[in-house]
Amino acid sequence: MKTKIVLLLVLSLLLIGCAAGKLSTPITMMGNNKDMYSGRIDHPCYFNIWGDICDANKGILTIENGPNGETFTGNFVVVNRTAMSSTQGGAFVPMGNNAIAVGSVRSESSGRVDMTSYWYATGSKGSTMKCEMKAGSGHGQGICKHSSSAEYEILY
């Protein structure tokens, strides 16, 4: 009986995990002729005991009505080259006639934030788009190059 309950619990968690939601980030793209195009990045989310965990460093970027009325879709990824450093140590503090106070110390630091995001897309009419964007905390800005050699600014 316990085995059946455990199996039903595992099966229900798998089904809930498959139904996990998505986090969407809006994007804006603008051409030299000042035409504006809107789209979104759908980031994958995974279910765990505490709720959905979404990965903002990757996803599928889609522009439904892009240049020449074409729909563009493709993989989006953020590459993080930021150097991180972490140290940890112990602290012992004498307290006069009382017991020694014991604690731990942790320090974290990072160098200059260096993140770049990329989007490689294929259009519904056969065109391609290649974008490179400087990324920050959940936002980015850069240039997209269309296969026709047109360039677009992109912001998310």
N, C-alpha and C. Protein backbone atom coordinates (compact mmCIF):
# COMPACT_ATOMS: atom_id res chain seq x y z
N MET A 1 0.81 -1.19 0.00
CA MET A 1 0.00 0.00 0.00
C MET A 1 0.86 1.26 0.00
N LYS A 2 1.94 1.27 0.81
CA LYS A 2 2.82 2.44 0.87
C LYS A 2 3.49 2.67 -0.47
N THR A 3 3.84 1.60 -1.16
CA THR A 3 4.49 1.72 -2.47
C THR A 3 3.55 2.41 -3.46
N LYS A 4 2.28 2.05 -3.44
CA LYS A 4 1.30 2.67 -4.35
C LYS A 4 1.16 4.16 -4.06
N ILE A 5 1.14 4.53 -2.78
CA ILE A 5 1.01 5.93 -2.42
C ILE A 5 2.23 6.72 -2.89
N VAL A 6 3.41 6.15 -2.69
CA VAL A 6 4.64 6.82 -3.12
C VAL A 6 4.65 6.96 -4.64
N LEU A 7 4.26 5.91 -5.36
CA LEU A 7 4.22 5.99 -6.82
C LEU A 7 3.21 7.03 -7.30
N LEU A 8 2.04 7.10 -6.66
CA LEU A 8 1.05 8.12 -7.03
C LEU A 8 1.57 9.52 -6.75
N LEU A 9 2.27 9.69 -5.64
CA LEU A 9 2.86 10.99 -5.31
C LEU A 9 3.89 11.40 -6.35
N VAL A 10 4.78 10.48 -6.72
CA VAL A 10 5.81 10.78 -7.73
C VAL A 10 5.16 11.09 -9.06
N LEU A 11 4.16 10.32 -9.46
CA LEU A 11 3.47 10.56 -10.73
C LEU A 11 2.78 11.92 -10.73
N SER A 12 2.13 12.29 -9.62
CA SER A 12 1.47 13.59 -9.58
C SER A 12 2.47 14.73 -9.64
N LEU A 13 3.65 14.58 -8.99
CA LEU A 13 4.69 15.62 -9.07
C LEU A 13 5.21 15.75 -10.50
N LEU A 14 5.37 14.63 -11.20
CA LEU A 14 5.82 14.69 -12.60
C LEU A 14 4.80 15.41 -13.47
N LEU A 15 3.52 15.12 -13.26
CA LEU A 15 2.49 15.80 -14.05
C LEU A 15 2.46 17.29 -13.75
N ILE A 16 2.59 17.66 -12.49
CA ILE A 16 2.63 19.08 -12.14
C ILE A 16 3.86 19.73 -12.74
N GLY A 17 5.00 19.03 -12.74
CA GLY A 17 6.24 19.55 -13.32
C GLY A 17 6.10 19.81 -14.80
N CYS A 18 5.34 18.96 -15.48
CA CYS A 18 5.13 19.15 -16.92
C CYS A 18 4.23 20.35 -17.19
N ALA A 19 3.43 20.71 -16.19
CA ALA A 19 2.52 21.84 -16.36
C ALA A 19 3.11 23.15 -15.88
N ALA A 20 4.42 23.15 -15.62
CA ALA A 20 5.07 24.36 -15.10
C ALA A 20 4.89 25.51 -16.08
N GLY A 21 4.79 26.71 -15.55
CA GLY A 21 4.53 27.89 -16.37
C GLY A 21 5.77 28.41 -17.06
N LYS A 22 5.62 29.59 -17.64
CA LYS A 22 6.73 30.24 -18.32
C LYS A 22 6.80 31.68 -17.85
N LEU A 23 8.01 32.17 -17.80
CA LEU A 23 8.26 33.58 -17.52
C LEU A 23 8.50 34.25 -18.86
N SER A 24 7.81 35.34 -19.14
CA SER A 24 7.99 36.05 -20.41
C SER A 24 8.58 37.43 -20.15
N THR A 25 9.56 37.79 -20.98
CA THR A 25 10.19 39.11 -20.94
C THR A 25 9.84 39.82 -22.24
N PRO A 26 9.25 41.01 -22.18
CA PRO A 26 8.95 41.74 -23.42
C PRO A 26 10.22 42.28 -24.07
N ILE A 27 10.24 42.31 -25.39
CA ILE A 27 11.36 42.89 -26.14
C ILE A 27 10.82 43.91 -27.14
N THR A 28 11.68 44.84 -27.51
CA THR A 28 11.37 45.83 -28.54
C THR A 28 12.53 45.87 -29.51
N MET A 29 12.21 45.90 -30.80
CA MET A 29 13.23 45.99 -31.84
C MET A 29 12.87 47.16 -32.74
N MET A 30 13.88 47.96 -33.14
CA MET A 30 13.64 49.14 -33.96
C MET A 30 14.63 49.16 -35.13
N GLY A 31 14.10 49.42 -36.32
CA GLY A 31 14.93 49.50 -37.51
C GLY A 31 15.42 50.91 -37.77
N ASN A 32 16.32 51.07 -38.75
CA ASN A 32 16.83 52.39 -39.12
C ASN A 32 15.73 53.31 -39.62
N ASN A 33 14.68 52.71 -40.18
CA ASN A 33 13.56 53.52 -40.66
C ASN A 33 12.56 53.82 -39.53
N LYS A 34 12.97 53.53 -38.30
CA LYS A 34 12.20 53.79 -37.07
C LYS A 34 10.96 52.91 -36.93
N ASP A 35 10.85 51.84 -37.73
CA ASP A 35 9.77 50.87 -37.53
C ASP A 35 10.01 50.15 -36.22
N MET A 36 8.95 49.95 -35.43
CA MET A 36 9.05 49.29 -34.13
C MET A 36 8.40 47.91 -34.23
N TYR A 37 9.06 46.92 -33.62
CA TYR A 37 8.56 45.55 -33.57
C TYR A 37 8.59 45.08 -32.13
N SER A 38 7.56 44.38 -31.72
CA SER A 38 7.47 43.87 -30.36
C SER A 38 7.53 42.35 -30.37
N GLY A 39 8.04 41.81 -29.29
CA GLY A 39 8.10 40.36 -29.14
C GLY A 39 8.27 39.99 -27.69
N ARG A 40 8.68 38.75 -27.45
CA ARG A 40 8.84 38.28 -26.08
C ARG A 40 9.88 37.16 -26.04
N ILE A 41 10.47 37.02 -24.86
CA ILE A 41 11.35 35.88 -24.58
C ILE A 41 10.59 34.99 -23.60
N ASP A 42 10.31 33.77 -23.98
CA ASP A 42 9.68 32.80 -23.09
C ASP A 42 10.77 31.97 -22.44
N HIS A 43 10.95 32.19 -21.13
CA HIS A 43 11.97 31.48 -20.37
C HIS A 43 11.38 30.19 -19.81
N PRO A 44 12.14 29.10 -19.80
CA PRO A 44 11.60 27.85 -19.24
C PRO A 44 11.50 27.92 -17.72
N CYS A 45 10.47 27.29 -17.19
CA CYS A 45 10.28 27.21 -15.74
C CYS A 45 10.12 25.74 -15.36
N TYR A 46 10.63 25.41 -14.20
CA TYR A 46 10.58 24.06 -13.69
C TYR A 46 9.94 24.08 -12.32
N PHE A 47 9.12 23.07 -12.05
CA PHE A 47 8.42 23.00 -10.79
C PHE A 47 9.30 22.32 -9.74
N ASN A 48 9.27 22.86 -8.53
CA ASN A 48 9.84 22.15 -7.39
C ASN A 48 8.89 22.33 -6.22
N ILE A 49 9.25 21.86 -5.07
CA ILE A 49 8.37 21.87 -3.90
C ILE A 49 7.93 23.29 -3.55
N TRP A 50 8.78 24.28 -3.74
CA TRP A 50 8.49 25.66 -3.35
C TRP A 50 7.86 26.48 -4.46
N GLY A 51 7.58 25.90 -5.59
CA GLY A 51 6.96 26.62 -6.70
C GLY A 51 7.83 26.55 -7.94
N ASP A 52 7.48 27.37 -8.94
CA ASP A 52 8.23 27.37 -10.20
C ASP A 52 9.55 28.10 -10.05
N ILE A 53 10.59 27.55 -10.67
CA ILE A 53 11.88 28.22 -10.77
C ILE A 53 12.10 28.45 -12.26
N CYS A 54 12.29 29.71 -12.64
CA CYS A 54 12.44 30.07 -14.05
C CYS A 54 13.89 30.45 -14.33
N ASP A 55 14.35 30.08 -15.52
CA ASP A 55 15.72 30.36 -15.94
C ASP A 55 15.72 31.55 -16.88
N ALA A 56 16.07 32.73 -16.37
CA ALA A 56 16.06 33.95 -17.18
C ALA A 56 17.26 34.04 -18.11
N ASN A 57 18.18 33.07 -18.06
CA ASN A 57 19.38 33.10 -18.90
C ASN A 57 19.22 32.35 -20.21
N LYS A 58 18.04 31.83 -20.48
CA LYS A 58 17.80 31.17 -21.77
C LYS A 58 16.32 31.16 -22.07
N GLY A 59 15.98 30.81 -23.29
CA GLY A 59 14.58 30.74 -23.67
C GLY A 59 14.41 30.81 -25.17
N ILE A 60 13.18 31.02 -25.58
CA ILE A 60 12.84 31.17 -27.00
C ILE A 60 12.36 32.61 -27.19
N LEU A 61 13.04 33.35 -28.08
CA LEU A 61 12.66 34.72 -28.39
C LEU A 61 11.84 34.71 -29.66
N THR A 62 10.69 35.37 -29.63
CA THR A 62 9.78 35.40 -30.78
C THR A 62 9.33 36.82 -31.07
N ILE A 63 9.37 37.20 -32.33
CA ILE A 63 8.76 38.45 -32.81
C ILE A 63 7.70 38.03 -33.81
N GLU A 64 6.44 38.22 -33.44
CA GLU A 64 5.32 37.73 -34.27
C GLU A 64 5.20 38.45 -35.61
N ASN A 65 5.34 39.76 -35.61
CA ASN A 65 5.16 40.55 -36.84
C ASN A 65 6.39 41.43 -37.01
N GLY A 66 7.50 40.81 -37.44
CA GLY A 66 8.77 41.51 -37.58
C GLY A 66 8.93 42.19 -38.92
N PRO A 67 10.16 42.49 -39.29
CA PRO A 67 10.43 43.13 -40.58
C PRO A 67 9.82 42.33 -41.74
N ASN A 68 9.24 43.04 -42.69
CA ASN A 68 8.59 42.46 -43.86
C ASN A 68 7.43 41.54 -43.49
N GLY A 69 6.81 41.76 -42.33
CA GLY A 69 5.68 40.95 -41.89
C GLY A 69 6.05 39.52 -41.54
N GLU A 70 7.32 39.28 -41.29
CA GLU A 70 7.81 37.93 -41.05
C GLU A 70 7.85 37.63 -39.54
N THR A 71 7.52 36.41 -39.16
CA THR A 71 7.63 35.98 -37.77
C THR A 71 9.02 35.37 -37.57
N PHE A 72 9.74 35.87 -36.57
CA PHE A 72 11.08 35.37 -36.26
C PHE A 72 11.04 34.65 -34.91
N THR A 73 11.67 33.49 -34.86
CA THR A 73 11.77 32.75 -33.61
C THR A 73 13.09 32.00 -33.56
N GLY A 74 13.63 31.90 -32.35
CA GLY A 74 14.89 31.18 -32.19
C GLY A 74 15.36 31.17 -30.75
N ASN A 75 16.44 30.48 -30.52
CA ASN A 75 16.99 30.34 -29.18
C ASN A 75 17.65 31.62 -28.70
N PHE A 76 17.44 31.91 -27.42
CA PHE A 76 18.03 33.06 -26.73
C PHE A 76 18.85 32.51 -25.57
N VAL A 77 20.07 33.03 -25.41
CA VAL A 77 20.91 32.57 -24.30
C VAL A 77 21.77 33.73 -23.79
N VAL A 78 22.00 33.75 -22.48
CA VAL A 78 22.88 34.74 -21.85
C VAL A 78 24.16 34.03 -21.45
N VAL A 79 25.30 34.60 -21.84
CA VAL A 79 26.60 34.07 -21.46
C VAL A 79 27.18 34.99 -20.40
N ASN A 80 27.44 34.45 -19.21
CA ASN A 80 27.92 35.24 -18.08
C ASN A 80 29.40 34.97 -17.88
N ARG A 81 30.23 35.99 -18.09
CA ARG A 81 31.68 35.86 -17.92
C ARG A 81 32.16 36.63 -16.69
N THR A 82 31.24 36.95 -15.76
CA THR A 82 31.59 37.73 -14.58
C THR A 82 32.41 36.88 -13.62
N ALA A 83 33.54 37.42 -13.17
CA ALA A 83 34.40 36.71 -12.21
C ALA A 83 33.81 36.85 -10.82
N MET A 84 33.64 35.73 -10.14
CA MET A 84 33.10 35.73 -8.78
C MET A 84 34.15 35.19 -7.82
N SER A 85 34.14 35.70 -6.60
CA SER A 85 35.06 35.24 -5.57
C SER A 85 34.30 35.09 -4.27
N SER A 86 34.63 34.04 -3.52
CA SER A 86 33.97 33.80 -2.25
C SER A 86 34.97 33.24 -1.26
N THR A 87 34.95 33.76 -0.03
CA THR A 87 35.81 33.24 1.04
C THR A 87 34.97 33.04 2.28
N GLN A 88 35.40 32.09 3.11
CA GLN A 88 34.68 31.81 4.33
C GLN A 88 35.69 31.46 5.42
N GLY A 89 35.41 31.87 6.64
CA GLY A 89 36.31 31.59 7.75
C GLY A 89 35.58 31.61 9.07
N GLY A 90 36.28 31.27 10.13
CA GLY A 90 35.70 31.24 11.46
C GLY A 90 36.16 32.44 12.27
N ALA A 91 35.36 32.76 13.29
CA ALA A 91 35.70 33.88 14.18
C ALA A 91 35.51 33.42 15.63
N PHE A 92 36.51 33.65 16.47
CA PHE A 92 36.45 33.34 17.89
C PHE A 92 36.71 34.63 18.64
N VAL A 93 35.76 35.05 19.45
CA VAL A 93 35.87 36.33 20.17
C VAL A 93 35.82 36.06 21.67
N PRO A 94 36.91 36.36 22.41
CA PRO A 94 36.88 36.20 23.87
C PRO A 94 35.93 37.23 24.48
N MET A 95 35.14 36.80 25.45
CA MET A 95 34.13 37.67 26.06
C MET A 95 34.40 37.85 27.56
N GLY A 96 35.62 38.18 27.95
CA GLY A 96 35.97 38.38 29.36
C GLY A 96 35.86 37.07 30.12
N ASN A 97 35.05 37.06 31.18
CA ASN A 97 34.87 35.86 32.00
C ASN A 97 33.82 34.92 31.42
N ASN A 98 33.15 35.32 30.36
CA ASN A 98 32.11 34.50 29.74
C ASN A 98 32.73 33.55 28.72
N ALA A 99 31.88 32.68 28.18
CA ALA A 99 32.34 31.74 27.15
C ALA A 99 32.73 32.49 25.89
N ILE A 100 33.59 31.88 25.13
CA ILE A 100 34.05 32.48 23.87
C ILE A 100 32.90 32.49 22.86
N ALA A 101 32.69 33.60 22.18
CA ALA A 101 31.69 33.69 21.12
C ALA A 101 32.30 33.14 19.84
N VAL A 102 31.56 32.24 19.20
CA VAL A 102 32.04 31.59 17.98
C VAL A 102 31.10 31.97 16.84
N GLY A 103 31.66 32.25 15.69
CA GLY A 103 30.84 32.60 14.53
C GLY A 103 31.57 32.29 13.24
N SER A 104 30.87 32.50 12.14
CA SER A 104 31.52 32.30 10.84
C SER A 104 31.41 33.59 10.05
N VAL A 105 32.35 33.78 9.16
CA VAL A 105 32.43 34.98 8.33
C VAL A 105 32.45 34.54 6.88
N ARG A 106 31.65 35.18 6.05
CA ARG A 106 31.64 34.86 4.63
C ARG A 106 31.68 36.16 3.85
N SER A 107 32.50 36.17 2.81
CA SER A 107 32.63 37.35 1.97
C SER A 107 32.49 36.93 0.51
N GLU A 108 31.68 37.68 -0.24
CA GLU A 108 31.53 37.42 -1.67
C GLU A 108 31.77 38.72 -2.42
N SER A 109 32.40 38.60 -3.57
CA SER A 109 32.62 39.78 -4.41
C SER A 109 32.65 39.36 -5.86
N SER A 110 32.46 40.31 -6.73
CA SER A 110 32.54 40.02 -8.16
C SER A 110 33.28 41.16 -8.84
N GLY A 111 33.83 40.82 -9.98
CA GLY A 111 34.49 41.85 -10.78
C GLY A 111 33.44 42.59 -11.59
N ARG A 112 33.86 43.27 -12.60
CA ARG A 112 32.95 43.98 -13.49
C ARG A 112 31.97 42.98 -14.11
N VAL A 113 30.69 43.32 -14.11
CA VAL A 113 29.68 42.43 -14.70
C VAL A 113 29.91 42.38 -16.21
N ASP A 114 30.07 41.17 -16.72
CA ASP A 114 30.34 40.98 -18.14
C ASP A 114 29.42 39.88 -18.66
N MET A 115 28.23 40.29 -19.12
CA MET A 115 27.27 39.33 -19.65
C MET A 115 26.86 39.78 -21.05
N THR A 116 26.75 38.81 -21.94
CA THR A 116 26.30 39.07 -23.30
C THR A 116 25.21 38.06 -23.63
N SER A 117 24.15 38.51 -24.28
CA SER A 117 23.10 37.59 -24.70
C SER A 117 23.11 37.51 -26.22
N TYR A 118 22.67 36.36 -26.72
CA TYR A 118 22.65 36.08 -28.15
C TYR A 118 21.28 35.54 -28.55
N TRP A 119 20.87 35.89 -29.76
CA TRP A 119 19.63 35.36 -30.32
C TRP A 119 19.88 35.03 -31.77
N TYR A 120 19.65 33.79 -32.14
CA TYR A 120 19.75 33.34 -33.52
C TYR A 120 18.36 32.89 -33.94
N ALA A 121 17.79 33.56 -34.97
CA ALA A 121 16.41 33.31 -35.34
C ALA A 121 16.26 33.02 -36.82
N THR A 122 15.21 32.26 -37.11
CA THR A 122 14.82 31.98 -38.48
C THR A 122 13.43 32.57 -38.68
N GLY A 123 13.24 33.22 -39.83
CA GLY A 123 11.95 33.84 -40.13
C GLY A 123 11.03 32.89 -40.87
N SER A 124 9.75 33.21 -40.82
CA SER A 124 8.74 32.36 -41.47
C SER A 124 8.83 32.40 -43.00
N LYS A 125 9.57 33.37 -43.55
CA LYS A 125 9.75 33.46 -45.01
C LYS A 125 11.17 33.11 -45.42
N GLY A 126 11.95 32.54 -44.49
CA GLY A 126 13.30 32.08 -44.82
C GLY A 126 14.43 33.02 -44.45
N SER A 127 14.14 34.22 -43.98
CA SER A 127 15.20 35.13 -43.55
C SER A 127 15.81 34.65 -42.24
N THR A 128 16.98 35.17 -41.91
CA THR A 128 17.61 34.86 -40.63
C THR A 128 17.95 36.16 -39.91
N MET A 129 18.12 36.05 -38.60
CA MET A 129 18.44 37.20 -37.77
C MET A 129 19.47 36.72 -36.75
N LYS A 130 20.54 37.52 -36.58
CA LYS A 130 21.58 37.22 -35.60
C LYS A 130 21.76 38.45 -34.74
N CYS A 131 21.60 38.27 -33.42
CA CYS A 131 21.66 39.41 -32.50
C CYS A 131 22.67 39.17 -31.40
N GLU A 132 23.35 40.25 -31.01
CA GLU A 132 24.25 40.23 -29.87
C GLU A 132 23.92 41.43 -29.00
N MET A 133 23.70 41.17 -27.70
CA MET A 133 23.26 42.22 -26.79
C MET A 133 24.09 42.21 -25.52
N LYS A 134 24.46 43.36 -25.03
CA LYS A 134 25.08 43.47 -23.71
C LYS A 134 23.98 43.30 -22.69
N ALA A 135 24.21 42.46 -21.70
CA ALA A 135 23.17 42.13 -20.74
C ALA A 135 23.53 42.63 -19.35
N GLY A 136 22.51 42.93 -18.58
CA GLY A 136 22.67 43.32 -17.19
C GLY A 136 21.78 42.47 -16.33
N SER A 137 21.23 43.03 -15.30
CA SER A 137 20.35 42.30 -14.39
C SER A 137 18.97 42.14 -15.01
N GLY A 138 18.81 41.15 -15.86
CA GLY A 138 17.52 40.88 -16.48
C GLY A 138 17.19 41.75 -17.67
N HIS A 139 18.11 42.62 -18.10
CA HIS A 139 17.87 43.52 -19.23
C HIS A 139 19.06 43.48 -20.18
N GLY A 140 18.83 43.89 -21.42
CA GLY A 140 19.91 43.94 -22.37
C GLY A 140 19.59 44.86 -23.53
N GLN A 141 20.64 45.23 -24.27
CA GLN A 141 20.48 46.13 -25.41
C GLN A 141 21.57 45.77 -26.40
N GLY A 142 21.20 45.74 -27.70
CA GLY A 142 22.21 45.41 -28.69
C GLY A 142 21.73 45.59 -30.11
N ILE A 143 22.42 44.90 -31.03
CA ILE A 143 22.18 45.04 -32.47
C ILE A 143 21.84 43.67 -33.06
N CYS A 144 20.83 43.67 -33.94
CA CYS A 144 20.46 42.47 -34.70
C CYS A 144 20.81 42.71 -36.17
N LYS A 145 21.37 41.70 -36.79
CA LYS A 145 21.69 41.78 -38.21
C LYS A 145 20.81 40.81 -38.98
N HIS A 146 20.05 41.36 -39.91
CA HIS A 146 19.15 40.58 -40.76
C HIS A 146 19.93 40.02 -41.93
N SER A 147 19.47 38.91 -42.50
CA SER A 147 20.18 38.30 -43.63
C SER A 147 20.20 39.21 -44.86
N SER A 148 19.34 40.23 -44.90
CA SER A 148 19.35 41.20 -45.99
C SER A 148 20.36 42.31 -45.75
N SER A 149 21.15 42.21 -44.67
CA SER A 149 22.16 43.16 -44.20
C SER A 149 21.57 44.37 -43.46
N ALA A 150 20.25 44.41 -43.29
CA ALA A 150 19.64 45.48 -42.48
C ALA A 150 19.98 45.25 -41.02
N GLU A 151 20.12 46.35 -40.26
CA GLU A 151 20.42 46.25 -38.84
C GLU A 151 19.28 46.83 -38.02
N TYR A 152 19.07 46.25 -36.87
CA TYR A 152 18.01 46.66 -35.95
C TYR A 152 18.57 46.76 -34.54
N GLU A 153 18.08 47.74 -33.78
CA GLU A 153 18.42 47.82 -32.36
C GLU A 153 17.40 46.98 -31.61
N ILE A 154 17.85 46.28 -30.57
CA ILE A 154 16.96 45.45 -29.77
C ILE A 154 17.15 45.76 -28.30
N LEU A 155 16.06 45.73 -27.56
CA LEU A 155 16.08 46.05 -26.13
C LEU A 155 15.16 45.09 -25.41
N TYR A 156 15.63 44.56 -24.29
CA TYR A 156 14.74 43.73 -23.45
C TYR A 156 14.95 44.05 -22.00
